[in-house]
Amino acid sequence: MERVRFIIVGSGWRSLFYVRIAKALPQYFELCALLCRTEEKANRIAAENGIYTTISEQECIDMKPDLVVVAVNKASLAEVSMHWMEMGFCVLCETPAAMDSETLEKLLEMERKGARLVINEQYHRYPVYSSLIKIAQSGLIGEPQFLNISVAHEYHAASLIRAFLNVKHSEKYTVKSVTKSFLTTLTRTRYEEITDGRTDMKNRTIALVEFESGKTALYDFDSEQYRSPIRHNFLRLTGTRGEIYNNTVYYLDENNKPQRAVLEVEGDKEITEIGCCGNVLYTPPFGPCGLSEDETAMAIMLFETAKYAKKIGNSPYSLEEAVADAEFRIRMYQNV
């Protein structure tokens, strides 16, 4: 496939991930322009990142990109995506698909009429998580039954819950949740380290998710886990013949003897290979290129969305699944 030509709508923190992807993989991606709202911001981002920026929507349209990446604030994601979809562009949009059920239904209706929208739900494409999901679905630990997950928030967690438990987005479920605030010492933001010992109240949400099939998940997350060195993620998936606990797999062999295997992750800042039980589960899809796990997962989604836009591949993440993720967030907070 020829290089993917795309534009970015939005100039915030998340949009710069796509800039780094395009720079790391110029043989695959061509960033035509980044669309800003103000001349001042356009000039600053152009100077800081060495890319072409514009405040002209028409200029972006005239470039005829393969797809449009929408990376604006959460409240505007759906509206901006629909705007570009109405002009006939395939859109790759940041998460979530929308913040309310009415808008989610509008997105589905647009798709039914031929519009193409992919929500960049990338967590199941992370090298480590995708490898663990392969193990979970391989039968090594039997049928997955219970997941205790504390690795990502809301809609991201919903996607991972379904992937690890191997349940369809259409399966009915109930969710009961509670949110509590706790005093927390701040350590790090997106932009800086905090070392003065200041504190703030941070929310932790715990939710029990029970699927119609009987499979169950316990969601437990505090947003500080994304960046704080004193708040850590964990994952425990229990199956009929074993369990996955973080990066370790406990299982019974063919003689029903207990075995233990550890996910073997090669690489430091960039993962170059992941293996377990003698099997290679992951190698970099674009080769070594210096991208983080998050950026690698996003690059995969970007490339596969381009194939979908060019009508030589299917959507890498169905809108129905993305809507189910967003609905999970809505339902989780309805009973808080």
C-alpha atoms as a PDB file:
ATOM      1  CA  MET A   1       0.000   0.000   0.000  1.00  0.00           C
ATOM      2  CA  GLU A   2       1.184   3.514  -0.765  1.00  0.00           C
ATOM      3  CA  ARG A   3       2.047   5.843   2.079  1.00  0.00           C
ATOM      4  CA  VAL A   4      -0.905   6.875   4.208  1.00  0.00           C
ATOM      5  CA  ARG A   5      -1.661  10.564   3.683  1.00  0.00           C
ATOM      6  CA  PHE A   6      -3.534  12.086   6.620  1.00  0.00           C
ATOM      7  CA  ILE A   7      -4.335  15.322   8.367  1.00  0.00           C
ATOM      8  CA  ILE A   8      -4.778  15.920  12.086  1.00  0.00           C
ATOM      9  CA  VAL A   9      -7.663  18.028  13.379  1.00  0.00           C
ATOM     10  CA  GLY A  10      -6.705  19.291  16.835  1.00  0.00           C
ATOM     11  CA  SER A  11      -3.558  20.661  18.381  1.00  0.00           C
ATOM     12  CA  GLY A  12      -3.538  19.298  21.926  1.00  0.00           C
ATOM     13  CA  TRP A  13      -1.315  16.824  23.745  1.00  0.00           C
ATOM     14  CA  ARG A  14      -2.850  13.776  22.053  1.00  0.00           C
ATOM     15  CA  SER A  15      -2.475  15.088  18.517  1.00  0.00           C
ATOM     16  CA  LEU A  16       1.304  15.144  18.920  1.00  0.00           C
ATOM     17  CA  PHE A  17       1.337  11.348  19.258  1.00  0.00           C
ATOM     18  CA  TYR A  18       0.350  11.151  15.595  1.00  0.00           C
ATOM     19  CA  VAL A  19       3.068  13.643  14.723  1.00  0.00           C
ATOM     20  CA  ARG A  20       5.680  11.395  16.351  1.00  0.00           C
ATOM     21  CA  ILE A  21       4.281   8.348  14.548  1.00  0.00           C
ATOM     22  CA  ALA A  22       4.537  10.071  11.168  1.00  0.00           C
ATOM     23  CA  LYS A  23       8.115  11.149  11.895  1.00  0.00           C
ATOM     24  CA  ALA A  24       9.175   7.696  13.126  1.00  0.00           C
ATOM     25  CA  LEU A  25       7.624   5.912  10.138  1.00  0.00           C
ATOM     26  CA  PRO A  26       7.945   8.189   7.086  1.00  0.00           C
ATOM     27  CA  GLN A  27       7.924   5.151   4.791  1.00  0.00           C
ATOM     28  CA  TYR A  28       4.359   4.415   5.940  1.00  0.00           C
ATOM     29  CA  PHE A  29       2.818   7.774   6.867  1.00  0.00           C
ATOM     30  CA  GLU A  30       2.738  11.266   5.398  1.00  0.00           C
ATOM     31  CA  LEU A  31       1.334  13.995   7.641  1.00  0.00           C
ATOM     32  CA  CYS A  32      -0.067  16.554   5.227  1.00  0.00           C
ATOM     33  CA  ALA A  33      -1.091  19.130   7.810  1.00  0.00           C
ATOM     34  CA  LEU A  34      -2.193  19.728  11.363  1.00  0.00           C
ATOM     35  CA  LEU A  35      -5.299  21.927  11.565  1.00  0.00           C
ATOM     36  CA  CYS A  36      -5.326  24.497  14.386  1.00  0.00           C
ATOM     37  CA  ARG A  37      -7.946  27.037  15.426  1.00  0.00           C
ATOM     38  CA  THR A  38      -5.604  30.005  15.863  1.00  0.00           C
ATOM     39  CA  GLU A  39      -2.680  31.358  13.874  1.00  0.00           C
ATOM     40  CA  GLU A  40      -0.644  31.769  17.042  1.00  0.00           C
ATOM     41  CA  LYS A  41      -0.939  28.100  17.990  1.00  0.00           C
ATOM     42  CA  ALA A  42      -0.379  26.958  14.420  1.00  0.00           C
ATOM     43  CA  ASN A  43       2.886  28.895  14.249  1.00  0.00           C
ATOM     44  CA  ARG A  44       4.062  27.617  17.620  1.00  0.00           C
ATOM     45  CA  ILE A  45       3.358  23.950  16.862  1.00  0.00           C
ATOM     46  CA  ALA A  46       4.969  24.243  13.423  1.00  0.00           C
ATOM     47  CA  ALA A  47       8.126  25.726  14.940  1.00  0.00           C
ATOM     48  CA  GLU A  48       8.313  23.254  17.824  1.00  0.00           C
ATOM     49  CA  ASN A  49       7.676  20.125  15.745  1.00  0.00           C
ATOM     50  CA  GLY A  50       8.892  20.943  12.267  1.00  0.00           C
ATOM     51  CA  ILE A  51       5.574  20.157  10.602  1.00  0.00           C
ATOM     52  CA  TYR A  52       3.143  21.978   8.365  1.00  0.00           C
ATOM     53  CA  THR A  53       0.204  23.558  10.179  1.00  0.00           C
ATOM     54  CA  THR A  54      -2.765  25.567   8.984  1.00  0.00           C
ATOM     55  CA  ILE A  55      -5.927  27.226  10.215  1.00  0.00           C
ATOM     56  CA  SER A  56      -7.690  26.670   6.875  1.00  0.00           C
ATOM     57  CA  GLU A  57     -10.137  23.777   6.764  1.00  0.00           C
ATOM     58  CA  GLN A  58     -10.518  24.218   3.013  1.00  0.00           C
ATOM     59  CA  GLU A  59      -6.778  23.833   2.537  1.00  0.00           C
ATOM     60  CA  CYS A  60      -6.952  20.482   4.360  1.00  0.00           C
ATOM     61  CA  ILE A  61      -9.892  19.391   2.210  1.00  0.00           C
ATOM     62  CA  ASP A  62      -8.022  20.305  -0.974  1.00  0.00           C
ATOM     63  CA  MET A  63      -5.117  18.065   0.099  1.00  0.00           C
ATOM     64  CA  LYS A  64      -7.446  15.064  -0.368  1.00  0.00           C
ATOM     65  CA  PRO A  65      -6.006  13.003   2.502  1.00  0.00           C
ATOM     66  CA  ASP A  66      -6.695   9.276   2.792  1.00  0.00           C
ATOM     67  CA  LEU A  67      -8.160   9.874   6.217  1.00  0.00           C
ATOM     68  CA  VAL A  68      -8.737  12.513   8.867  1.00  0.00           C
ATOM     69  CA  VAL A  69      -7.517  12.057  12.446  1.00  0.00           C
ATOM     70  CA  VAL A  70      -9.709  13.869  14.964  1.00  0.00           C
ATOM     71  CA  ALA A  71      -7.897  14.607  18.232  1.00  0.00           C
ATOM     72  CA  VAL A  72      -9.820  17.444  19.862  1.00  0.00           C
ATOM     73  CA  ASN A  73     -11.244  17.631  23.398  1.00  0.00           C
ATOM     74  CA  LYS A  74     -13.621  14.851  24.485  1.00  0.00           C
ATOM     75  CA  ALA A  75     -16.705  17.033  24.448  1.00  0.00           C
ATOM     76  CA  SER A  76     -16.157  17.919  20.777  1.00  0.00           C
ATOM     77  CA  LEU A  77     -14.889  14.606  19.373  1.00  0.00           C
ATOM     78  CA  ALA A  78     -18.201  13.329  18.025  1.00  0.00           C
ATOM     79  CA  GLU A  79     -19.316  16.670  16.590  1.00  0.00           C
ATOM     80  CA  VAL A  80     -16.037  17.262  14.773  1.00  0.00           C
ATOM     81  CA  SER A  81     -15.930  13.671  13.515  1.00  0.00           C
ATOM     82  CA  MET A  82     -19.457  13.924  12.113  1.00  0.00           C
ATOM     83  CA  HIS A  83     -18.506  17.169  10.373  1.00  0.00           C
ATOM     84  CA  TRP A  84     -15.673  15.486   8.455  1.00  0.00           C
ATOM     85  CA  MET A  85     -17.682  12.319   7.844  1.00  0.00           C
ATOM     86  CA  GLU A  86     -20.432  14.400   6.244  1.00  0.00           C
ATOM     87  CA  MET A  87     -17.828  15.636   3.746  1.00  0.00           C
ATOM     88  CA  GLY A  88     -17.083  12.033   2.782  1.00  0.00           C
ATOM     89  CA  PHE A  89     -13.835  11.491   4.685  1.00  0.00           C
ATOM     90  CA  CYS A  90     -12.976   8.356   6.625  1.00  0.00           C
ATOM     91  CA  VAL A  91     -12.279   9.476  10.189  1.00  0.00           C
ATOM     92  CA  LEU A  92     -10.030   8.011  12.866  1.00  0.00           C
ATOM     93  CA  CYS A  93     -11.205   9.567  16.112  1.00  0.00           C
ATOM     94  CA  GLU A  94      -9.733   9.595  19.587  1.00  0.00           C
ATOM     95  CA  THR A  95     -11.700   8.018  22.442  1.00  0.00           C
ATOM     96  CA  PRO A  96     -14.473   7.964  23.488  1.00  0.00           C
ATOM     97  CA  ALA A  97     -16.885   7.794  20.541  1.00  0.00           C
ATOM     98  CA  ALA A  98     -19.240  10.169  22.379  1.00  0.00           C
ATOM     99  CA  MET A  99     -20.207  11.203  25.888  1.00  0.00           C
ATOM    100  CA  ASP A 100     -23.951  10.480  25.687  1.00  0.00           C
ATOM    101  CA  SER A 101     -26.208   7.758  24.281  1.00  0.00           C
ATOM    102  CA  GLU A 102     -28.082  10.039  21.888  1.00  0.00           C
ATOM    103  CA  THR A 103     -24.902  11.052  20.080  1.00  0.00           C
ATOM    104  CA  LEU A 104     -23.699   7.449  19.982  1.00  0.00           C
ATOM    105  CA  GLU A 105     -26.897   6.520  18.138  1.00  0.00           C
ATOM    106  CA  LYS A 106     -26.303   9.371  15.654  1.00  0.00           C
ATOM    107  CA  LEU A 107     -22.861   7.956  14.881  1.00  0.00           C
ATOM    108  CA  LEU A 108     -24.303   4.493  14.282  1.00  0.00           C
ATOM    109  CA  GLU A 109     -26.977   5.954  12.006  1.00  0.00           C
ATOM    110  CA  MET A 110     -24.339   7.780   9.958  1.00  0.00           C
ATOM    111  CA  GLU A 111     -22.419   4.535   9.554  1.00  0.00           C
ATOM    112  CA  ARG A 112     -25.571   2.743   8.422  1.00  0.00           C
ATOM    113  CA  LYS A 113     -25.840   5.397   5.701  1.00  0.00           C
ATOM    114  CA  GLY A 114     -22.281   4.756   4.511  1.00  0.00           C
ATOM    115  CA  ALA A 115     -20.058   7.002   6.637  1.00  0.00           C
ATOM    116  CA  ARG A 116     -16.819   5.507   7.893  1.00  0.00           C
ATOM    117  CA  LEU A 117     -15.637   6.112  11.448  1.00  0.00           C
ATOM    118  CA  VAL A 118     -13.009   4.254  13.460  1.00  0.00           C
ATOM    119  CA  ILE A 119     -12.518   5.005  17.139  1.00  0.00           C
ATOM    120  CA  ASN A 120      -8.857   4.682  18.056  1.00  0.00           C
ATOM    121  CA  GLU A 121      -9.329   2.232  20.919  1.00  0.00           C
ATOM    122  CA  GLN A 122      -5.748   1.074  21.007  1.00  0.00           C
ATOM    123  CA  TYR A 123      -5.240  -0.658  24.355  1.00  0.00           C
ATOM    124  CA  HIS A 124      -5.911  -4.162  23.029  1.00  0.00           C
ATOM    125  CA  ARG A 125      -3.128  -3.461  20.474  1.00  0.00           C
ATOM    126  CA  TYR A 126      -0.481  -2.720  23.106  1.00  0.00           C
ATOM    127  CA  PRO A 127       2.349  -5.263  22.650  1.00  0.00           C
ATOM    128  CA  VAL A 128       2.074  -6.655  26.206  1.00  0.00           C
ATOM    129  CA  TYR A 129      -1.729  -6.639  26.425  1.00  0.00           C
ATOM    130  CA  SER A 130      -2.149  -8.120  22.944  1.00  0.00           C
ATOM    131  CA  SER A 131       0.265 -10.899  23.916  1.00  0.00           C
ATOM    132  CA  LEU A 132      -1.605 -11.639  27.139  1.00  0.00           C
ATOM    133  CA  ILE A 133      -4.907 -11.628  25.251  1.00  0.00           C
ATOM    134  CA  LYS A 134      -3.486 -14.217  22.843  1.00  0.00           C
ATOM    135  CA  ILE A 135      -2.594 -16.416  25.814  1.00  0.00           C
ATOM    136  CA  ALA A 136      -6.024 -15.885  27.364  1.00  0.00           C
ATOM    137  CA  GLN A 137      -7.763 -16.905  24.140  1.00  0.00           C
ATOM    138  CA  SER A 138      -5.418 -19.826  23.388  1.00  0.00           C
ATOM    139  CA  GLY A 139      -6.977 -22.161  25.936  1.00  0.00           C
ATOM    140  CA  LEU A 140      -3.793 -22.438  28.025  1.00  0.00           C
ATOM    141  CA  ILE A 141      -5.609 -21.354  31.195  1.00  0.00           C
ATOM    142  CA  GLY A 142      -8.892 -22.902  30.103  1.00  0.00           C
ATOM    143  CA  GLU A 143     -11.989 -20.770  29.686  1.00  0.00           C
ATOM    144  CA  PRO A 144     -11.501 -17.243  31.096  1.00  0.00           C
ATOM    145  CA  GLN A 145     -14.076 -16.598  33.817  1.00  0.00           C
ATOM    146  CA  PHE A 146     -13.058 -13.724  36.094  1.00  0.00           C
ATOM    147  CA  LEU A 147     -10.950 -10.625  35.487  1.00  0.00           C
ATOM    148  CA  ASN A 148      -9.660  -8.207  38.105  1.00  0.00           C
ATOM    149  CA  ILE A 149      -8.414  -5.260  36.075  1.00  0.00           C
ATOM    150  CA  SER A 150      -6.712  -2.056  37.160  1.00  0.00           C
ATOM    151  CA  VAL A 151      -4.782  -0.856  34.105  1.00  0.00           C
ATOM    152  CA  ALA A 152      -6.923   1.716  32.262  1.00  0.00           C
ATOM    153  CA  HIS A 153      -9.980   3.867  32.734  1.00  0.00           C
ATOM    154  CA  GLU A 154     -13.612   3.517  31.674  1.00  0.00           C
ATOM    155  CA  TYR A 155     -13.997   2.793  27.932  1.00  0.00           C
ATOM    156  CA  HIS A 156     -10.424   1.491  27.591  1.00  0.00           C
ATOM    157  CA  ALA A 157     -11.093  -0.957  30.411  1.00  0.00           C
ATOM    158  CA  ALA A 158     -14.389  -2.023  28.816  1.00  0.00           C
ATOM    159  CA  SER A 159     -12.569  -2.985  25.623  1.00  0.00           C
ATOM    160  CA  LEU A 160      -9.929  -4.950  27.537  1.00  0.00           C
ATOM    161  CA  ILE A 161     -12.527  -6.677  29.700  1.00  0.00           C
ATOM    162  CA  ARG A 162     -14.293  -8.070  26.639  1.00  0.00           C
ATOM    163  CA  ALA A 163     -11.028  -9.076  24.992  1.00  0.00           C
ATOM    164  CA  PHE A 164      -9.642 -10.912  28.030  1.00  0.00           C
ATOM    165  CA  LEU A 165     -12.931 -12.621  28.913  1.00  0.00           C
ATOM    166  CA  ASN A 166     -13.657 -13.294  25.226  1.00  0.00           C
ATOM    167  CA  VAL A 167     -17.198 -11.906  25.279  1.00  0.00           C
ATOM    168  CA  LYS A 168     -18.967 -10.144  22.423  1.00  0.00           C
ATOM    169  CA  HIS A 169     -19.862  -6.465  22.596  1.00  0.00           C
ATOM    170  CA  SER A 170     -23.517  -7.403  22.239  1.00  0.00           C
ATOM    171  CA  GLU A 171     -23.603  -9.628  25.341  1.00  0.00           C
ATOM    172  CA  LYS A 172     -25.839  -8.225  28.055  1.00  0.00           C
ATOM    173  CA  TYR A 173     -24.343  -7.283  31.413  1.00  0.00           C
ATOM    174  CA  THR A 174     -25.023  -5.490  34.657  1.00  0.00           C
ATOM    175  CA  VAL A 175     -22.676  -3.048  36.332  1.00  0.00           C
ATOM    176  CA  LYS A 176     -22.631  -1.805  39.910  1.00  0.00           C
ATOM    177  CA  SER A 177     -20.088   0.813  40.863  1.00  0.00           C
ATOM    178  CA  VAL A 178     -18.929   3.140  43.585  1.00  0.00           C
ATOM    179  CA  THR A 179     -16.558   6.113  43.424  1.00  0.00           C
ATOM    180  CA  LYS A 180     -14.591   7.299  46.451  1.00  0.00           C
ATOM    181  CA  SER A 181     -12.200  10.210  46.856  1.00  0.00           C
ATOM    182  CA  PHE A 182      -8.852   9.778  48.621  1.00  0.00           C
ATOM    183  CA  LEU A 183      -6.141  12.227  49.609  1.00  0.00           C
ATOM    184  CA  THR A 184      -3.189  11.631  47.288  1.00  0.00           C
ATOM    185  CA  THR A 185       0.293  13.087  47.075  1.00  0.00           C
ATOM    186  CA  LEU A 186       0.839  14.380  43.558  1.00  0.00           C
ATOM    187  CA  THR A 187       3.961  13.239  41.717  1.00  0.00           C
ATOM    188  CA  ARG A 188       3.656  13.754  37.985  1.00  0.00           C
ATOM    189  CA  THR A 189       1.450  15.314  35.301  1.00  0.00           C
ATOM    190  CA  ARG A 190       1.582  15.004  31.517  1.00  0.00           C
ATOM    191  CA  TYR A 191       4.054  17.850  31.463  1.00  0.00           C
ATOM    192  CA  GLU A 192       6.076  17.929  34.685  1.00  0.00           C
ATOM    193  CA  GLU A 193       7.244  16.173  37.840  1.00  0.00           C
ATOM    194  CA  ILE A 194       5.882  17.434  41.166  1.00  0.00           C
ATOM    195  CA  THR A 195       8.264  17.198  44.108  1.00  0.00           C
ATOM    196  CA  ASP A 196       6.892  19.726  46.598  1.00  0.00           C
ATOM    197  CA  GLY A 197       4.640  17.205  48.354  1.00  0.00           C
ATOM    198  CA  ARG A 198       1.342  18.885  47.488  1.00  0.00           C
ATOM    199  CA  THR A 199      -1.791  16.767  47.815  1.00  0.00           C
ATOM    200  CA  ASP A 200      -5.221  16.624  46.222  1.00  0.00           C
ATOM    201  CA  MET A 201      -8.365  14.497  46.407  1.00  0.00           C
ATOM    202  CA  LYS A 202      -8.406  11.879  43.636  1.00  0.00           C
ATOM    203  CA  ASN A 203     -11.238   9.574  42.661  1.00  0.00           C
ATOM    204  CA  ARG A 204     -11.062   5.795  42.573  1.00  0.00           C
ATOM    205  CA  THR A 205     -13.933   3.914  40.934  1.00  0.00           C
ATOM    206  CA  ILE A 206     -14.655   0.252  41.614  1.00  0.00           C
ATOM    207  CA  ALA A 207     -17.237  -1.560  39.477  1.00  0.00           C
ATOM    208  CA  LEU A 208     -18.542  -5.120  39.394  1.00  0.00           C
ATOM    209  CA  VAL A 209     -19.454  -6.194  35.857  1.00  0.00           C
ATOM    210  CA  GLU A 210     -21.489  -9.388  35.435  1.00  0.00           C
ATOM    211  CA  PHE A 211     -22.154 -10.726  31.946  1.00  0.00           C
ATOM    212  CA  GLU A 212     -25.143 -12.818  30.943  1.00  0.00           C
ATOM    213  CA  SER A 213     -22.810 -15.792  30.375  1.00  0.00           C
ATOM    214  CA  GLY A 214     -21.700 -15.648  34.013  1.00  0.00           C
ATOM    215  CA  LYS A 215     -18.275 -14.207  33.237  1.00  0.00           C
ATOM    216  CA  THR A 216     -17.382 -11.425  35.649  1.00  0.00           C
ATOM    217  CA  ALA A 217     -14.974  -8.497  35.882  1.00  0.00           C
ATOM    218  CA  LEU A 218     -13.928  -6.294  38.772  1.00  0.00           C
ATOM    219  CA  TYR A 219     -12.857  -2.865  37.538  1.00  0.00           C
ATOM    220  CA  ASP A 220     -10.688  -0.845  39.934  1.00  0.00           C
ATOM    221  CA  PHE A 221      -8.979   2.325  38.768  1.00  0.00           C
ATOM    222  CA  ASP A 222      -7.529   5.635  39.911  1.00  0.00           C
ATOM    223  CA  SER A 223      -6.427   8.049  37.178  1.00  0.00           C
ATOM    224  CA  GLU A 224      -3.167   8.648  39.073  1.00  0.00           C
ATOM    225  CA  GLN A 225      -2.069   5.190  37.906  1.00  0.00           C
ATOM    226  CA  TYR A 226      -1.284   6.498  34.420  1.00  0.00           C
ATOM    227  CA  ARG A 227       1.685   8.561  35.515  1.00  0.00           C
ATOM    228  CA  SER A 228       2.377   8.265  39.236  1.00  0.00           C
ATOM    229  CA  PRO A 229       5.414   6.163  40.248  1.00  0.00           C
ATOM    230  CA  ILE A 230       3.644   5.313  43.535  1.00  0.00           C
ATOM    231  CA  ARG A 231       0.458   4.015  41.903  1.00  0.00           C
ATOM    232  CA  HIS A 232       0.760   0.809  39.886  1.00  0.00           C
ATOM    233  CA  ASN A 233      -1.377  -1.210  37.501  1.00  0.00           C
ATOM    234  CA  PHE A 234      -2.328  -4.850  37.952  1.00  0.00           C
ATOM    235  CA  LEU A 235      -4.281  -7.514  36.111  1.00  0.00           C
ATOM    236  CA  ARG A 236      -5.480 -10.959  37.160  1.00  0.00           C
ATOM    237  CA  LEU A 237      -7.408 -13.219  34.797  1.00  0.00           C
ATOM    238  CA  THR A 238      -8.740 -16.491  36.212  1.00  0.00           C
ATOM    239  CA  GLY A 239      -9.606 -19.401  33.929  1.00  0.00           C
ATOM    240  CA  THR A 240     -10.810 -22.955  34.484  1.00  0.00           C
ATOM    241  CA  ARG A 241      -7.247 -24.339  34.234  1.00  0.00           C
ATOM    242  CA  GLY A 242      -5.072 -21.530  35.517  1.00  0.00           C
ATOM    243  CA  GLU A 243      -4.647 -17.778  35.628  1.00  0.00           C
ATOM    244  CA  ILE A 244      -2.667 -14.847  34.328  1.00  0.00           C
ATOM    245  CA  TYR A 245      -1.317 -12.573  37.049  1.00  0.00           C
ATOM    246  CA  ASN A 246       0.296  -9.497  35.497  1.00  0.00           C
ATOM    247  CA  ASN A 247       3.037 -10.997  33.277  1.00  0.00           C
ATOM    248  CA  THR A 248       3.049 -14.486  34.808  1.00  0.00           C
ATOM    249  CA  VAL A 249       0.961 -17.435  33.631  1.00  0.00           C
ATOM    250  CA  TYR A 250      -0.005 -20.319  35.928  1.00  0.00           C
ATOM    251  CA  TYR A 251      -1.568 -23.339  34.228  1.00  0.00           C
ATOM    252  CA  LEU A 252      -2.000 -27.116  34.170  1.00  0.00           C
ATOM    253  CA  ASP A 253      -0.194 -29.120  31.490  1.00  0.00           C
ATOM    254  CA  GLU A 254      -1.638 -32.096  29.595  1.00  0.00           C
ATOM    255  CA  ASN A 255      -0.913 -34.289  32.623  1.00  0.00           C
ATOM    256  CA  ASN A 256      -2.693 -31.823  34.924  1.00  0.00           C
ATOM    257  CA  LYS A 257       0.608 -30.881  36.536  1.00  0.00           C
ATOM    258  CA  PRO A 258       0.961 -27.224  37.600  1.00  0.00           C
ATOM    259  CA  GLN A 259       3.277 -25.085  35.481  1.00  0.00           C
ATOM    260  CA  ARG A 260       4.466 -21.488  35.565  1.00  0.00           C
ATOM    261  CA  ALA A 261       5.638 -19.295  32.700  1.00  0.00           C
ATOM    262  CA  VAL A 262       6.684 -15.652  32.575  1.00  0.00           C
ATOM    263  CA  LEU A 263       6.075 -13.328  29.637  1.00  0.00           C
ATOM    264  CA  GLU A 264       9.514 -12.694  28.161  1.00  0.00           C
ATOM    265  CA  VAL A 265       9.685  -9.067  27.051  1.00  0.00           C
ATOM    266  CA  GLU A 266      12.736  -7.986  25.047  1.00  0.00           C
ATOM    267  CA  GLY A 267      13.693  -4.337  24.748  1.00  0.00           C
ATOM    268  CA  ASP A 268      13.752  -1.337  27.037  1.00  0.00           C
ATOM    269  CA  LYS A 269      12.109   1.835  25.754  1.00  0.00           C
ATOM    270  CA  GLU A 270      10.853  -0.054  22.706  1.00  0.00           C
ATOM    271  CA  ILE A 271       9.639  -3.663  22.835  1.00  0.00           C
ATOM    272  CA  THR A 272      11.323  -5.749  20.148  1.00  0.00           C
ATOM    273  CA  GLU A 273       9.869  -9.176  20.973  1.00  0.00           C
ATOM    274  CA  ILE A 274       7.521 -10.880  23.405  1.00  0.00           C
ATOM    275  CA  GLY A 275       7.452 -14.629  23.952  1.00  0.00           C
ATOM    276  CA  CYS A 276       5.982 -17.182  26.340  1.00  0.00           C
ATOM    277  CA  CYS A 277       6.065 -20.975  26.599  1.00  0.00           C
ATOM    278  CA  GLY A 278       8.404 -21.167  23.618  1.00  0.00           C
ATOM    279  CA  ASN A 279       6.100 -19.139  21.346  1.00  0.00           C
ATOM    280  CA  VAL A 280       6.767 -15.694  19.903  1.00  0.00           C
ATOM    281  CA  LEU A 281       3.667 -13.597  20.591  1.00  0.00           C
ATOM    282  CA  TYR A 282       4.795 -10.219  19.315  1.00  0.00           C
ATOM    283  CA  THR A 283       7.343  -8.598  17.023  1.00  0.00           C
ATOM    284  CA  PRO A 284       7.213  -4.923  15.966  1.00  0.00           C
ATOM    285  CA  PRO A 285       4.814  -4.683  13.009  1.00  0.00           C
ATOM    286  CA  PHE A 286       6.799  -1.797  11.493  1.00  0.00           C
ATOM    287  CA  GLY A 287      10.216  -2.994  12.658  1.00  0.00           C
ATOM    288  CA  PRO A 288      12.275  -1.231  15.348  1.00  0.00           C
ATOM    289  CA  CYS A 289      11.449   2.470  15.087  1.00  0.00           C
ATOM    290  CA  GLY A 290      11.612   3.936  18.596  1.00  0.00           C
ATOM    291  CA  LEU A 291       7.882   4.105  19.318  1.00  0.00           C
ATOM    292  CA  SER A 292       6.415   3.474  22.772  1.00  0.00           C
ATOM    293  CA  GLU A 293       3.743   0.835  23.413  1.00  0.00           C
ATOM    294  CA  ASP A 294       1.004   3.445  23.148  1.00  0.00           C
ATOM    295  CA  GLU A 295       2.399   4.936  19.948  1.00  0.00           C
ATOM    296  CA  THR A 296       2.917   1.489  18.411  1.00  0.00           C
ATOM    297  CA  ALA A 297      -0.707   0.563  19.104  1.00  0.00           C
ATOM    298  CA  MET A 298      -1.882   3.872  17.632  1.00  0.00           C
ATOM    299  CA  ALA A 299       0.304   3.394  14.545  1.00  0.00           C
ATOM    300  CA  ILE A 300      -1.268  -0.018  13.948  1.00  0.00           C
ATOM    301  CA  MET A 301      -4.739   1.495  14.177  1.00  0.00           C
ATOM    302  CA  LEU A 302      -3.738   4.359  11.872  1.00  0.00           C
ATOM    303  CA  PHE A 303      -2.361   2.004   9.227  1.00  0.00           C
ATOM    304  CA  GLU A 304      -5.309  -0.380   9.358  1.00  0.00           C
ATOM    305  CA  THR A 305      -7.781   2.498   9.253  1.00  0.00           C
ATOM    306  CA  ALA A 306      -6.067   3.706   6.091  1.00  0.00           C
ATOM    307  CA  LYS A 307      -6.625   0.278   4.509  1.00  0.00           C
ATOM    308  CA  TYR A 308     -10.285   0.573   5.509  1.00  0.00           C
ATOM    309  CA  ALA A 309     -10.429   4.073   4.015  1.00  0.00           C
ATOM    310  CA  LYS A 310      -8.932   2.780   0.755  1.00  0.00           C
ATOM    311  CA  LYS A 311     -11.447  -0.094   0.783  1.00  0.00           C
ATOM    312  CA  ILE A 312      -8.769  -2.780   0.877  1.00  0.00           C
ATOM    313  CA  GLY A 313      -9.442  -3.872   4.453  1.00  0.00           C
ATOM    314  CA  ASN A 314     -12.064  -3.969   7.171  1.00  0.00           C
ATOM    315  CA  SER A 315     -12.401  -1.578  10.076  1.00  0.00           C
ATOM    316  CA  PRO A 316      -9.756  -2.419  12.711  1.00  0.00           C
ATOM    317  CA  TYR A 317     -12.292  -1.757  15.483  1.00  0.00           C
ATOM    318  CA  SER A 318     -15.987  -1.809  14.735  1.00  0.00           C
ATOM    319  CA  LEU A 319     -18.072   1.205  15.661  1.00  0.00           C
ATOM    320  CA  GLU A 320     -20.437  -1.145  17.518  1.00  0.00           C
ATOM    321  CA  GLU A 321     -17.584  -2.117  19.838  1.00  0.00           C
ATOM    322  CA  ALA A 322     -16.553   1.500  20.352  1.00  0.00           C
ATOM    323  CA  VAL A 323     -20.148   2.418  21.155  1.00  0.00           C
ATOM    324  CA  ALA A 324     -20.279  -0.448  23.667  1.00  0.00           C
ATOM    325  CA  ASP A 325     -17.129   0.962  25.303  1.00  0.00           C
ATOM    326  CA  ALA A 326     -18.658   4.429  25.590  1.00  0.00           C
ATOM    327  CA  GLU A 327     -21.956   3.019  26.881  1.00  0.00           C
ATOM    328  CA  PHE A 328     -20.038   1.166  29.594  1.00  0.00           C
ATOM    329  CA  ARG A 329     -18.690   4.476  30.857  1.00  0.00           C
ATOM    330  CA  ILE A 330     -22.180   5.985  30.860  1.00  0.00           C
ATOM    331  CA  ARG A 331     -23.743   3.030  32.661  1.00  0.00           C
ATOM    332  CA  MET A 332     -20.923   2.763  35.188  1.00  0.00           C
ATOM    333  CA  TYR A 333     -21.580   6.256  36.508  1.00  0.00           C
ATOM    334  CA  GLN A 334     -25.376   6.100  36.399  1.00  0.00           C
ATOM    335  CA  ASN A 335     -25.521   4.273  39.747  1.00  0.00           C
ATOM    336  CA  VAL A 336     -22.630   6.071  41.477  1.00  0.00           C
END
